[in-house]
Amino acid sequence: MTAKLPGRAPTLDEVAAFAGVSRATVSRVINGVPTVDPELREVVARAIAETGYVPNHAARSLVTRRTDSVALVISEPENRTFTEPMLERVFTDPFFGRLTAGASQVLRPQGIHLVIMMADAPAHHQVLRYVRQGHVDGVLLISSTATDPLPKQLADLRVPAVLSTRPAQALPLSYVDIEQEAGARLAADHLLARGCQHPATISGPLDMPASHDRLGGFRAALARHGHAFVPSVEGTFTRASGADAARRLFAEHPEIDGLFVANDLMAEGALQTLEDLGRRVPGDVAVIGFDDSSAALVCRPPLTTIRQPVEEMAAEMARLLLAQLAHPGGRPRSVIFSPTLVVRESS
């Protein structure tokens, strides 16, 4: 066989013969089994293209009970108030775009589609129903609050799922995270090395373990250098909340000369407030963010920040989920990344 077959669809056996591999190998490639050797996968892919073979996904899904779809669920708590609609926040925050890109780079080559689902409090039950009805093979859950019911509900349903951060309670779910406290220590050490005498911080929402860890790590690092009190104001990870938090901080503590902000978007808002107040950055106040997102580069001046490798973390989430799908019943795993300090002109 050297070309597409005229007048009829080629069979799986004919694709295997064309590729010079077994029928089982072709089946594993088509089913997205991640353990297939990459060279064999390429040989089979060429054979499929040359013969014009079209897998019968509907029939295959009846046998394998696979949909070749994964839900990326962005979950929000019931008790938090935002000024912007959820859809606007998600599509204007670079963090979520980076997550999507990182997960897609692993899933797309496997022929797996990513279904993005917004799960504010009223939509939680809709997400569960969608997952329970088998529309997706698994879930990548972007959830970070201690009160979010979705992690436990997914665990109770035994749905293959991976979390984007350490869960607030012990659950049999895999997760990917970064050393949050270590990142905050990097920020504290940098401000101290720069000579700041009056550091302060804008934290993320304190119903999130990551926000607690960043705040705690920053305060602990400064306490080791004699700073018993570190002023802080809580934000909601939005640009507007960062601007508002900075106004409140500097109204109460005008002596602040170093500011650690728990994400880049809030830091961007804080920089605008400092400009409005006539404070020079970094001359009067050194500012550090967290994420190393595109927001850090559009800040004026460009923002010193703690980098978390979001794309790599999302890709690892996808790999953990694929491993679960290939080997159901395996033990949950955690993968923890290390932060790095990226120094720019704001400090």
Protein backbone atom coordinates (compact mmCIF):
# COMPACT_ATOMS: atom_id res chain seq x y z
CA MET A 1 0.00 0.00 0.00
CA THR A 2 1.57 3.28 -1.07
CA ALA A 3 -1.30 5.76 -1.20
CA LYS A 4 -4.84 6.42 -0.11
CA LEU A 5 -7.19 3.62 -1.01
CA PRO A 6 -9.69 4.56 -3.74
CA GLY A 7 -13.37 4.12 -3.09
CA ARG A 8 -13.26 2.88 0.50
CA ALA A 9 -11.95 3.77 3.92
CA PRO A 10 -8.77 1.99 5.01
CA THR A 11 -8.92 -0.33 8.00
CA LEU A 12 -6.83 -0.29 11.15
CA ASP A 13 -5.04 -3.43 9.96
CA GLU A 14 -4.12 -1.73 6.68
CA VAL A 15 -2.69 1.28 8.55
CA ALA A 16 -0.64 -1.13 10.70
CA ALA A 17 0.66 -2.90 7.60
CA PHE A 18 1.57 0.40 5.95
CA ALA A 19 3.44 1.54 9.09
CA GLY A 20 5.11 -1.82 9.65
CA VAL A 21 3.84 -2.03 13.22
CA SER A 22 1.28 -4.09 15.06
CA ARG A 23 -2.43 -3.32 15.08
CA ALA A 24 -2.15 -2.82 18.85
CA THR A 25 0.49 -0.10 18.39
CA VAL A 26 -1.74 1.80 15.96
CA SER A 27 -4.62 1.48 18.42
CA ARG A 28 -2.49 2.84 21.27
CA VAL A 29 -1.43 5.84 19.19
CA ILE A 30 -5.01 6.61 18.16
CA ASN A 31 -6.18 6.27 21.77
CA GLY A 32 -3.53 8.71 22.97
CA VAL A 33 -1.67 6.30 25.24
CA PRO A 34 1.25 8.44 26.51
CA THR A 35 3.75 5.55 26.85
CA VAL A 36 4.08 4.95 23.08
CA ASP A 37 7.60 5.61 21.81
CA PRO A 38 7.69 9.05 20.08
CA GLU A 39 9.35 7.61 16.95
CA LEU A 40 6.67 4.93 16.65
CA ARG A 41 4.01 7.57 17.20
CA GLU A 42 5.44 9.58 14.29
CA VAL A 43 5.57 6.51 12.02
CA VAL A 44 1.92 5.74 12.76
CA ALA A 45 0.91 9.37 12.27
CA ARG A 46 2.51 9.36 8.80
CA ALA A 47 0.76 6.11 7.94
CA ILE A 48 -2.60 7.53 8.99
CA ALA A 49 -2.00 10.62 6.84
CA GLU A 50 -0.84 8.59 3.81
CA THR A 51 -3.71 6.09 3.91
CA GLY A 52 -6.40 8.61 4.77
CA TYR A 53 -7.52 6.59 7.78
CA VAL A 54 -10.20 8.34 9.89
CA PRO A 55 -10.71 6.90 13.38
CA ASN A 56 -14.30 6.28 14.36
CA HIS A 57 -14.25 8.32 17.54
CA ALA A 58 -17.92 7.76 18.28
CA ALA A 59 -17.51 3.99 18.18
CA ARG A 60 -14.21 4.18 20.07
CA SER A 61 -15.73 6.25 22.86
CA LEU A 62 -18.41 3.60 23.38
CA VAL A 63 -15.68 1.02 23.93
CA THR A 64 -13.10 3.11 25.79
CA ARG A 65 -15.54 5.46 27.55
CA ARG A 66 -13.17 8.27 26.61
CA THR A 67 -14.26 11.64 25.19
CA ASP A 68 -10.78 13.01 24.38
CA SER A 69 -11.78 16.16 26.27
CA VAL A 70 -10.50 17.62 29.53
CA ALA A 71 -12.16 20.43 31.49
CA LEU A 72 -10.08 23.35 32.72
CA VAL A 73 -12.32 24.56 35.54
CA ILE A 74 -11.71 28.02 36.99
CA SER A 75 -13.49 28.04 40.33
CA GLU A 76 -14.36 30.99 42.55
CA PRO A 77 -15.65 31.14 46.14
CA GLU A 78 -19.11 32.16 47.25
CA ASN A 79 -18.11 34.87 49.71
CA ARG A 80 -15.85 37.14 47.64
CA THR A 81 -17.06 40.37 46.06
CA PHE A 82 -15.60 41.64 42.78
CA THR A 83 -16.31 44.80 40.83
CA GLU A 84 -15.69 43.04 37.47
CA PRO A 85 -17.67 40.09 36.04
CA MET A 86 -15.87 36.73 36.24
CA LEU A 87 -15.46 36.44 32.46
CA GLU A 88 -13.74 39.84 32.32
CA ARG A 89 -11.39 38.98 35.18
CA VAL A 90 -10.38 35.68 33.63
CA PHE A 91 -9.65 37.08 30.18
CA THR A 92 -7.79 40.16 31.44
CA ASP A 93 -5.61 38.30 33.96
CA PRO A 94 -2.52 36.93 32.15
CA PHE A 95 -2.27 34.13 34.73
CA PHE A 96 -5.21 32.22 33.22
CA GLY A 97 -3.95 32.58 29.67
CA ARG A 98 -0.61 31.14 30.70
CA LEU A 99 -2.33 28.20 32.40
CA THR A 100 -4.35 27.45 29.29
CA ALA A 101 -1.30 27.64 27.04
CA GLY A 102 0.75 25.36 29.28
CA ALA A 103 -1.94 22.67 29.54
CA SER A 104 -2.72 22.83 25.81
CA GLN A 105 0.87 22.24 24.77
CA VAL A 106 0.71 18.81 26.44
CA LEU A 107 -2.88 17.85 25.61
CA ARG A 108 -3.09 18.98 21.98
CA PRO A 109 -0.45 16.57 20.63
CA GLN A 110 -2.44 13.76 22.26
CA GLY A 111 -5.58 14.81 20.39
CA ILE A 112 -7.26 15.95 23.60
CA HIS A 113 -9.43 19.05 23.60
CA LEU A 114 -9.42 21.54 26.47
CA VAL A 115 -12.87 22.72 27.57
CA ILE A 116 -12.70 25.92 29.65
CA MET A 117 -15.43 26.19 32.28
CA MET A 118 -16.10 29.16 34.58
CA ALA A 119 -17.35 28.04 37.97
CA ASP A 120 -18.48 30.91 40.11
CA ALA A 121 -20.60 29.85 43.08
CA PRO A 122 -23.95 29.49 41.22
CA ALA A 123 -22.30 27.37 38.50
CA HIS A 124 -20.59 24.82 40.76
CA HIS A 125 -23.46 22.34 40.47
CA GLN A 126 -23.52 22.76 36.68
CA VAL A 127 -19.84 21.85 36.48
CA LEU A 128 -20.38 18.76 38.63
CA ARG A 129 -23.33 17.65 36.53
CA TYR A 130 -21.34 18.13 33.31
CA VAL A 131 -18.45 16.07 34.67
CA ARG A 132 -20.68 13.41 36.23
CA GLN A 133 -22.47 12.89 32.91
CA GLY A 134 -19.17 11.92 31.31
CA HIS A 135 -18.69 14.84 28.92
CA VAL A 136 -14.98 15.03 29.83
CA ASP A 137 -12.36 12.47 30.82
CA GLY A 138 -10.93 14.52 33.67
CA VAL A 139 -10.55 17.93 35.27
CA LEU A 140 -7.74 20.44 35.70
CA LEU A 141 -9.09 22.48 38.60
CA ILE A 142 -7.91 26.05 39.15
CA SER A 143 -9.08 26.42 42.72
CA SER A 144 -7.32 28.04 45.61
CA THR A 145 -9.75 28.86 48.41
CA ALA A 146 -10.19 26.84 51.57
CA THR A 147 -13.97 26.96 51.25
CA ASP A 148 -14.28 25.78 47.63
CA PRO A 149 -16.39 22.58 47.67
CA LEU A 150 -15.29 21.38 44.21
CA PRO A 151 -12.02 19.62 45.18
CA LYS A 152 -13.73 17.38 47.73
CA GLN A 153 -16.73 16.80 45.46
CA LEU A 154 -14.48 15.68 42.62
CA ALA A 155 -12.54 13.43 45.00
CA ASP A 156 -15.78 11.91 46.29
CA LEU A 157 -16.92 11.24 42.72
CA ARG A 158 -13.53 9.63 41.95
CA VAL A 159 -13.18 11.87 38.91
CA PRO A 160 -9.61 12.04 37.55
CA ALA A 161 -8.55 15.53 38.61
CA VAL A 162 -5.45 17.60 39.27
CA LEU A 163 -5.41 20.81 41.34
CA SER A 164 -3.43 23.95 40.57
CA THR A 165 -2.37 24.37 44.19
CA ARG A 166 -2.11 22.48 47.46
CA PRO A 167 -5.64 21.77 48.73
CA ALA A 168 -6.65 23.34 52.02
CA GLN A 169 -7.65 19.92 53.40
CA ALA A 170 -6.08 16.52 52.88
CA LEU A 171 -7.64 14.99 49.75
CA PRO A 172 -6.65 12.07 47.49
CA LEU A 173 -5.98 14.41 44.57
CA SER A 174 -2.76 15.21 42.72
CA TYR A 175 -1.66 18.83 42.68
CA VAL A 176 1.01 21.17 41.37
CA ASP A 177 2.23 24.15 43.37
CA ILE A 178 5.14 26.51 43.91
CA GLU A 179 7.09 27.13 47.11
CA GLN A 180 4.99 30.15 48.05
CA GLU A 181 6.84 31.03 51.26
CA ALA A 182 10.20 30.76 49.51
CA GLY A 183 9.02 33.27 46.90
CA ALA A 184 7.96 35.71 49.59
CA ARG A 185 11.33 35.31 51.32
CA LEU A 186 13.07 36.22 48.07
CA ALA A 187 11.02 39.42 47.96
CA ALA A 188 11.80 40.28 51.59
CA ASP A 189 15.52 39.63 51.18
CA HIS A 190 15.65 41.78 48.05
CA LEU A 191 13.95 44.73 49.75
CA LEU A 192 16.28 44.46 52.76
CA ALA A 193 19.35 44.21 50.52
CA ARG A 194 18.20 47.36 48.77
CA GLY A 195 18.15 49.14 52.13
CA CYS A 196 14.40 49.40 52.77
CA GLN A 197 13.64 50.24 56.42
CA HIS A 198 9.84 50.28 56.33
CA PRO A 199 8.56 47.35 54.25
CA ALA A 200 4.88 46.55 53.77
CA THR A 201 2.79 44.15 51.71
CA ILE A 202 -0.47 43.85 49.79
CA SER A 203 -1.63 40.28 50.25
CA GLY A 204 -3.95 38.21 48.12
CA PRO A 205 -7.35 37.06 49.44
CA LEU A 206 -6.74 35.48 52.83
CA ASP A 207 -9.20 32.65 52.20
CA MET A 208 -6.50 31.24 49.88
CA PRO A 209 -3.68 29.07 51.27
CA ALA A 210 -1.26 30.59 48.74
CA SER A 211 -2.00 34.11 50.00
CA HIS A 212 -1.47 33.02 53.60
CA ASP A 213 1.83 31.37 52.65
CA ARG A 214 3.10 34.46 50.80
CA LEU A 215 2.11 36.77 53.64
CA GLY A 216 3.54 34.44 56.27
CA GLY A 217 6.78 33.90 54.40
CA PHE A 218 7.28 37.65 53.90
CA ARG A 219 6.61 38.47 57.57
CA ALA A 220 8.78 35.60 58.84
CA ALA A 221 11.73 36.64 56.68
CA LEU A 222 11.48 40.24 57.90
CA ALA A 223 11.04 39.14 61.53
CA ARG A 224 14.42 37.42 61.35
CA HIS A 225 15.87 40.87 60.61
CA GLY A 226 14.09 42.63 63.47
CA HIS A 227 10.92 43.82 61.72
CA ALA A 228 8.31 42.85 64.29
CA PHE A 229 5.46 44.65 62.52
CA VAL A 230 4.81 44.61 58.78
CA PRO A 231 1.78 46.62 57.60
CA SER A 232 -0.46 44.75 55.19
CA VAL A 233 -3.75 45.21 53.35
CA GLU A 234 -5.70 42.43 51.66
CA GLY A 235 -6.50 42.60 47.94
CA THR A 236 -8.39 40.35 45.53
CA PHE A 237 -5.69 39.84 42.86
CA THR A 238 -7.24 42.50 40.59
CA ARG A 239 -5.60 45.72 39.37
CA ALA A 240 -8.28 47.86 41.05
CA SER A 241 -7.86 46.14 44.41
CA GLY A 242 -4.10 46.75 44.27
CA ALA A 243 -4.64 50.46 43.64
CA ASP A 244 -7.13 50.69 46.50
CA ALA A 245 -4.94 48.70 48.90
CA ALA A 246 -1.95 50.95 48.18
CA ARG A 247 -4.03 54.07 48.93
CA ARG A 248 -5.06 52.61 52.27
CA LEU A 249 -1.54 51.50 53.16
CA PHE A 250 0.13 54.83 52.42
CA ALA A 251 -2.63 56.83 54.12
CA GLU A 252 -1.91 54.94 57.36
CA HIS A 253 1.84 54.40 56.89
CA PRO A 254 3.36 57.15 54.74
CA GLU A 255 6.86 56.06 55.77
CA ILE A 256 6.69 52.84 53.68
CA ASP A 257 9.74 52.53 51.41
CA GLY A 258 9.42 48.91 50.23
CA LEU A 259 6.29 47.13 49.00
CA PHE A 260 5.74 43.44 48.21
CA VAL A 261 2.52 42.85 46.27
CA ALA A 262 1.13 39.30 46.03
CA ASN A 263 0.58 39.37 42.26
CA ASP A 264 1.63 41.48 39.29
CA LEU A 265 -1.84 42.81 38.47
CA MET A 266 -2.25 44.28 41.94
CA ALA A 267 1.29 45.64 41.73
CA GLU A 268 0.36 47.41 38.51
CA GLY A 269 -2.54 49.07 40.33
CA ALA A 270 -0.29 49.96 43.28
CA LEU A 271 2.22 51.63 40.94
CA GLN A 272 -0.54 53.83 39.56
CA THR A 273 -1.49 54.88 43.09
CA LEU A 274 2.14 55.68 43.92
CA GLU A 275 2.34 57.85 40.82
CA ASP A 276 -0.86 59.65 41.89
CA LEU A 277 0.67 60.22 45.33
CA GLY A 278 3.86 61.64 43.84
CA ARG A 279 6.03 58.77 45.14
CA ARG A 280 8.99 57.90 42.93
CA VAL A 281 9.60 54.22 42.14
CA PRO A 282 12.13 52.99 43.06
CA GLY A 283 13.60 56.21 44.50
CA ASP A 284 11.01 56.59 47.27
CA VAL A 285 9.41 53.14 47.24
CA ALA A 286 10.77 49.86 45.85
CA VAL A 287 8.01 47.58 44.54
CA ILE A 288 8.04 43.81 43.95
CA GLY A 289 5.23 41.71 42.45
CA PHE A 290 4.61 37.99 42.13
CA ASP A 291 4.05 35.87 38.97
CA ASP A 292 6.33 37.40 36.30
CA SER A 293 3.35 37.77 33.99
CA SER A 294 3.00 40.08 30.99
CA ALA A 295 1.60 42.68 33.41
CA ALA A 296 5.09 43.02 34.92
CA LEU A 297 6.47 44.20 31.58
CA VAL A 298 3.78 46.79 30.88
CA CYS A 299 4.21 48.40 34.30
CA ARG A 300 5.98 51.75 34.44
CA PRO A 301 8.66 51.23 35.55
CA PRO A 302 8.94 47.54 34.58
CA LEU A 303 8.23 45.43 37.63
CA THR A 304 10.65 43.41 39.71
CA THR A 305 8.76 40.22 40.50
CA ILE A 306 8.87 36.67 41.80
CA ARG A 307 8.57 34.32 38.85
CA GLN A 308 6.42 31.26 39.05
CA PRO A 309 6.69 29.14 35.90
CA VAL A 310 2.94 29.00 35.24
CA GLU A 311 3.17 27.42 31.77
CA GLU A 312 5.45 24.65 33.07
CA MET A 313 3.20 24.11 36.09
CA ALA A 314 0.10 23.81 33.90
CA ALA A 315 1.92 21.41 31.58
CA GLU A 316 2.81 19.27 34.58
CA MET A 317 -0.84 19.29 35.67
CA ALA A 318 -1.78 17.97 32.24
CA ARG A 319 0.88 15.26 32.40
CA LEU A 320 -0.32 14.14 35.83
CA LEU A 321 -3.87 13.94 34.52
CA LEU A 322 -2.82 11.93 31.45
CA ALA A 323 -0.99 9.52 33.76
CA GLN A 324 -4.19 9.08 35.80
CA LEU A 325 -6.20 8.38 32.66
CA ALA A 326 -3.65 5.84 31.45
CA HIS A 327 -3.32 4.12 34.83
CA PRO A 328 -6.49 4.59 36.91
CA GLY A 329 -6.15 3.98 40.62
CA GLY A 330 -2.59 5.21 40.96
CA ARG A 331 -1.56 7.15 44.05
CA PRO A 332 -1.96 10.96 44.01
CA ARG A 333 1.21 12.91 43.36
CA SER A 334 2.42 16.43 44.14
CA VAL A 335 4.94 18.41 42.09
CA ILE A 336 6.40 21.55 43.68
CA PHE A 337 8.24 24.17 41.62
CA SER A 338 10.81 26.69 42.88
CA PRO A 339 10.35 30.47 42.46
CA THR A 340 13.02 32.85 41.20
CA LEU A 341 13.56 36.59 41.59
CA VAL A 342 13.44 38.66 38.39
CA VAL A 343 14.95 42.12 39.00
CA ARG A 344 13.73 45.02 36.88
CA GLU A 345 13.49 48.79 37.32
CA SER A 346 10.86 49.00 40.09
CA SER A 347 13.46 48.09 42.70
